[in-house]
Structures are given as structure tokens and as C-alpha cells.
N, C-alpha and C. Protein backbone atom coordinates (compact mmCIF):
# COMPACT_ATOMS: atom_id res chain seq x y z
N MET A 1 -8.38 -62.44 -5.92
CA MET A 1 -8.50 -61.30 -5.88
C MET A 1 -9.59 -60.64 -5.13
N THR A 2 -9.57 -59.79 -4.26
CA THR A 2 -10.71 -58.86 -3.51
C THR A 2 -10.45 -57.64 -4.03
N ARG A 3 -11.58 -57.09 -4.11
CA ARG A 3 -11.61 -55.39 -4.46
C ARG A 3 -11.66 -54.66 -3.16
N PRO A 4 -10.99 -53.65 -3.08
CA PRO A 4 -10.97 -52.96 -1.75
C PRO A 4 -12.47 -52.22 -1.81
N MET A 5 -12.89 -51.89 -0.77
CA MET A 5 -14.15 -51.72 -0.25
C MET A 5 -14.11 -50.05 -0.26
N VAL A 6 -15.09 -49.40 -1.62
CA VAL A 6 -15.27 -47.68 -1.79
C VAL A 6 -16.37 -47.24 -1.05
N SER A 7 -15.73 -46.69 -0.34
CA SER A 7 -16.88 -45.47 0.42
C SER A 7 -17.65 -44.64 -0.48
N ILE A 8 -19.05 -44.48 -0.45
CA ILE A 8 -19.51 -43.69 -1.43
C ILE A 8 -20.21 -42.37 -0.24
N PRO A 9 -19.62 -41.05 -0.38
CA PRO A 9 -19.88 -39.86 -0.30
C PRO A 9 -21.48 -39.86 0.00
N LYS A 10 -22.01 -39.19 1.42
CA LYS A 10 -23.30 -39.18 1.15
C LYS A 10 -23.79 -37.54 0.95
N PRO A 11 -24.87 -37.40 0.33
CA PRO A 11 -25.23 -36.07 0.07
C PRO A 11 -25.34 -35.34 1.12
N ALA A 12 -25.27 -33.69 1.04
CA ALA A 12 -25.04 -33.09 1.84
C ALA A 12 -26.25 -32.85 2.17
N ALA A 13 -26.73 -32.68 3.66
CA ALA A 13 -28.14 -32.99 4.44
C ALA A 13 -28.80 -31.78 4.71
N ALA A 14 -28.19 -30.52 4.21
CA ALA A 14 -28.44 -29.09 4.61
C ALA A 14 -29.87 -28.71 3.92
N GLU A 15 -30.83 -28.48 4.30
CA GLU A 15 -32.33 -28.33 3.22
C GLU A 15 -32.25 -26.82 3.20
N PRO A 16 -32.53 -26.75 1.94
CA PRO A 16 -32.58 -25.36 1.15
C PRO A 16 -33.34 -24.48 1.89
N ALA A 17 -33.23 -23.37 2.18
CA ALA A 17 -34.02 -22.00 2.61
C ALA A 17 -35.51 -22.05 2.04
N SER A 18 -35.37 -22.39 1.02
CA SER A 18 -36.87 -21.87 0.06
C SER A 18 -36.92 -22.86 -1.01
N TYR A 19 -37.70 -22.70 -1.61
CA TYR A 19 -38.17 -23.44 -2.96
C TYR A 19 -37.29 -23.00 -4.10
N GLU A 20 -37.40 -21.61 -4.12
CA GLU A 20 -36.35 -21.10 -4.91
C GLU A 20 -34.57 -20.95 -4.60
N ALA A 21 -34.55 -21.16 -3.71
CA ALA A 21 -33.04 -21.55 -3.35
C ALA A 21 -32.67 -22.91 -3.72
N ALA A 22 -33.70 -23.93 -3.71
CA ALA A 22 -33.44 -25.19 -3.92
C ALA A 22 -33.46 -25.29 -5.77
N LEU A 23 -34.66 -24.71 -6.38
CA LEU A 23 -34.37 -24.59 -7.80
C LEU A 23 -32.84 -23.98 -8.27
N GLN A 24 -32.82 -23.26 -7.68
CA GLN A 24 -31.48 -22.21 -8.05
C GLN A 24 -30.11 -23.40 -8.03
N GLU A 25 -29.94 -24.01 -6.42
CA GLU A 25 -29.23 -25.09 -6.48
C GLU A 25 -29.09 -26.25 -7.33
N LEU A 26 -30.33 -26.41 -7.94
CA LEU A 26 -30.63 -27.52 -8.87
C LEU A 26 -30.24 -27.56 -10.28
N GLU A 27 -30.09 -26.17 -10.53
CA GLU A 27 -29.81 -25.71 -11.78
C GLU A 27 -28.38 -25.75 -12.33
N GLN A 28 -27.97 -25.25 -10.82
CA GLN A 28 -26.10 -24.92 -11.00
C GLN A 28 -25.73 -26.18 -10.77
N LEU A 29 -26.34 -27.25 -9.92
CA LEU A 29 -25.77 -28.65 -10.30
C LEU A 29 -25.91 -29.31 -11.24
N LEU A 30 -27.06 -29.11 -11.85
CA LEU A 30 -27.20 -29.67 -13.37
C LEU A 30 -26.08 -28.94 -14.29
N ALA A 31 -25.69 -27.82 -14.09
CA ALA A 31 -24.72 -27.26 -14.95
C ALA A 31 -23.54 -28.17 -14.88
N ARG A 32 -23.15 -28.11 -13.79
CA ARG A 32 -22.01 -29.07 -13.26
C ARG A 32 -21.81 -30.66 -14.22
N LEU A 33 -23.00 -31.38 -13.62
CA LEU A 33 -23.06 -32.45 -13.92
C LEU A 33 -23.18 -32.70 -15.44
N GLU A 34 -23.76 -31.72 -16.12
CA GLU A 34 -23.77 -31.82 -18.02
C GLU A 34 -22.23 -31.48 -18.30
N SER A 35 -21.31 -30.57 -17.69
CA SER A 35 -20.56 -30.30 -18.46
C SER A 35 -19.01 -31.40 -18.39
N GLY A 36 -19.57 -32.41 -17.58
CA GLY A 36 -18.85 -33.63 -17.53
C GLY A 36 -17.16 -33.55 -16.92
N ASP A 37 -17.10 -32.77 -16.45
CA ASP A 37 -16.04 -32.41 -15.81
C ASP A 37 -15.38 -33.26 -14.17
N LEU A 38 -16.26 -33.25 -13.99
CA LEU A 38 -16.49 -33.93 -12.48
C LEU A 38 -15.89 -35.45 -12.39
N PRO A 39 -15.16 -35.72 -11.18
CA PRO A 39 -14.26 -36.89 -11.36
C PRO A 39 -15.90 -38.03 -11.15
N LEU A 40 -15.52 -39.15 -10.85
CA LEU A 40 -16.82 -40.17 -10.59
C LEU A 40 -17.41 -40.11 -9.56
N GLU A 41 -16.52 -40.23 -8.46
CA GLU A 41 -17.24 -39.83 -7.10
C GLU A 41 -17.88 -38.65 -6.97
N GLN A 42 -17.58 -37.56 -7.39
CA GLN A 42 -18.02 -35.93 -7.18
C GLN A 42 -19.53 -36.09 -8.33
N LEU A 43 -19.29 -36.92 -9.22
CA LEU A 43 -20.60 -37.37 -9.93
C LEU A 43 -21.57 -37.68 -8.73
N LEU A 44 -21.41 -38.94 -8.79
CA LEU A 44 -22.16 -39.51 -7.34
C LEU A 44 -22.90 -38.67 -6.42
N THR A 45 -21.78 -38.02 -6.00
CA THR A 45 -22.58 -37.17 -4.59
C THR A 45 -23.36 -35.92 -5.08
N GLN A 46 -23.27 -35.45 -6.66
CA GLN A 46 -23.88 -34.51 -6.91
C GLN A 46 -25.31 -34.59 -7.30
N TYR A 47 -25.14 -36.05 -8.24
CA TYR A 47 -26.31 -36.64 -8.25
C TYR A 47 -27.16 -36.67 -7.12
N GLN A 48 -26.56 -37.59 -5.93
CA GLN A 48 -27.80 -37.50 -4.78
C GLN A 48 -27.95 -36.19 -4.28
N ARG A 49 -27.22 -35.35 -4.18
CA ARG A 49 -27.57 -34.20 -3.87
C ARG A 49 -28.79 -33.45 -4.53
N GLY A 50 -28.59 -33.62 -5.82
CA GLY A 50 -29.75 -33.37 -6.91
C GLY A 50 -31.22 -34.19 -6.51
N ALA A 51 -31.00 -35.34 -6.03
CA ALA A 51 -32.12 -36.31 -5.84
C ALA A 51 -33.01 -35.63 -4.68
N VAL A 52 -31.87 -34.98 -3.58
CA VAL A 52 -32.47 -34.55 -2.39
C VAL A 52 -32.96 -32.90 -2.73
N LEU A 53 -32.82 -32.44 -3.55
CA LEU A 53 -33.22 -31.23 -3.83
C LEU A 53 -34.39 -31.19 -4.64
N LEU A 54 -34.60 -32.42 -5.74
CA LEU A 54 -35.60 -32.50 -6.20
C LEU A 54 -36.84 -32.82 -5.40
N LYS A 55 -36.55 -33.73 -4.58
CA LYS A 55 -37.46 -34.14 -3.69
C LYS A 55 -38.25 -33.09 -2.84
N PHE A 56 -37.56 -32.16 -2.21
CA PHE A 56 -37.91 -30.94 -1.55
C PHE A 56 -38.70 -30.00 -2.65
N CYS A 57 -38.16 -29.74 -3.82
CA CYS A 57 -39.13 -28.96 -4.77
C CYS A 57 -40.28 -29.57 -4.97
N ARG A 58 -40.57 -30.92 -5.37
CA ARG A 58 -41.77 -31.82 -5.38
C ARG A 58 -42.49 -31.58 -4.21
N ASP A 59 -41.83 -31.97 -2.83
CA ASP A 59 -42.82 -31.64 -1.77
C ASP A 59 -43.29 -30.14 -1.42
N ARG A 60 -42.53 -29.26 -1.54
CA ARG A 60 -43.15 -27.87 -1.86
C ARG A 60 -44.41 -27.51 -2.80
N LEU A 61 -44.17 -28.39 -4.03
CA LEU A 61 -45.06 -28.05 -4.92
C LEU A 61 -46.24 -28.31 -4.57
N GLU A 62 -46.06 -29.77 -4.08
CA GLU A 62 -47.22 -30.58 -3.72
C GLU A 62 -48.15 -30.14 -2.78
N ALA A 63 -47.49 -29.27 -1.85
CA ALA A 63 -48.09 -28.82 -0.52
C ALA A 63 -49.07 -27.56 -1.10
N VAL A 64 -48.07 -26.72 -1.95
CA VAL A 64 -48.92 -25.79 -2.67
C VAL A 64 -50.15 -26.04 -3.18
N GLU A 65 -49.87 -27.02 -4.15
CA GLU A 65 -51.20 -27.72 -4.95
C GLU A 65 -52.24 -27.74 -4.03
N ASP A 66 -51.98 -28.53 -2.82
CA ASP A 66 -52.97 -28.97 -1.73
C ASP A 66 -53.35 -27.78 -1.30
N GLN A 67 -53.09 -26.67 -1.01
CA GLN A 67 -53.94 -25.55 -0.70
C GLN A 67 -54.36 -24.93 -1.56
N ILE A 68 -53.98 -24.83 -2.81
CA ILE A 68 -55.07 -24.03 -4.01
C ILE A 68 -56.12 -25.14 -3.83
N LYS A 69 -56.22 -26.41 -3.92
CA LYS A 69 -57.52 -27.22 -3.94
C LYS A 69 -58.53 -27.11 -3.07
N VAL A 70 -57.75 -26.42 -1.83
CA VAL A 70 -58.71 -26.20 -0.61
C VAL A 70 -59.06 -24.75 -0.70
N LEU A 71 -58.65 -23.98 -1.21
CA LEU A 71 -59.03 -22.47 -1.75
C LEU A 71 -59.81 -22.59 -2.66
N ASP A 72 -60.01 -23.61 -3.56
CA ASP A 72 -60.94 -23.58 -4.59
C ASP A 72 -61.88 -24.48 -4.11
N GLN A 73 -62.25 -24.84 -3.35
CA GLN A 73 -63.05 -25.41 -2.80
C GLN A 73 -63.78 -24.67 -1.58
N GLY A 74 -63.75 -23.45 -1.45
CA GLY A 74 -63.91 -22.54 -0.84
C GLY A 74 -63.76 -22.38 0.91
N THR A 75 -62.78 -23.26 1.22
CA THR A 75 -62.61 -23.60 2.72
C THR A 75 -61.11 -22.84 2.78
N LEU A 76 -60.87 -22.00 3.74
CA LEU A 76 -59.45 -21.45 3.92
C LEU A 76 -58.95 -22.14 5.24
N LYS A 77 -57.95 -22.75 4.96
CA LYS A 77 -57.12 -23.72 5.97
C LYS A 77 -55.50 -22.58 5.86
N THR A 78 -55.11 -22.86 7.36
CA THR A 78 -53.82 -22.08 7.21
C THR A 78 -52.74 -23.10 6.61
N TRP A 79 -51.68 -22.93 5.96
CA TRP A 79 -50.93 -23.66 5.50
C TRP A 79 -49.72 -23.48 6.29
N THR A 80 -48.94 -24.47 6.88
CA THR A 80 -48.02 -24.49 6.70
C THR A 80 -46.97 -25.84 6.63
N PRO A 81 -45.70 -25.09 5.49
CA PRO A 81 -45.00 -25.87 5.08
C PRO A 81 -44.25 -27.06 6.11
N GLU A 82 -44.21 -28.46 5.72
CA GLU A 82 -43.51 -29.05 6.47
C GLU A 82 -42.23 -29.09 6.42
């Protein structure tokens, strides 16, 4: 007996407008995940979206930390978010 293929939904690809927007969405997503009220497929989708948001936030924080290091060294460079 073979099992039918289950398609796993992909996370939403929309990039947040800002670090603050990503953090707010991540907090709301976490509350939904912790509620335990989501079906399994939605849990997976929400978890994937959370991973995307977490990476976005970490990347932004790292870019700001790099800029602070530059400023601390007395060298001012223009910071452009990636």
C-alpha cells in the first residue's frame, strides 16, 4: 500500500517592510503557534514563515551591528540595507 503524496505549502514570500514589521508579525505568529488551535498543515506553513521572518530580523540586526563597528572605529561609511 502506498501513501498519497502530500504537498507541503510554501511560506509566504513577501518580505517585511521593516525590522519592526517583521518582529510584530513574528510575535503574532508565535502566539498562533502556541495557541495549539492550528491544523498540522497550517502549523508547518506558519513555522516556515517564522523561519523567514527570523532570518530577516537577524540579517537586519547583523547589518546594524556591522555599521556600529564601523562607527566605533572612527570610520563613517554609508549603510545600505540589503
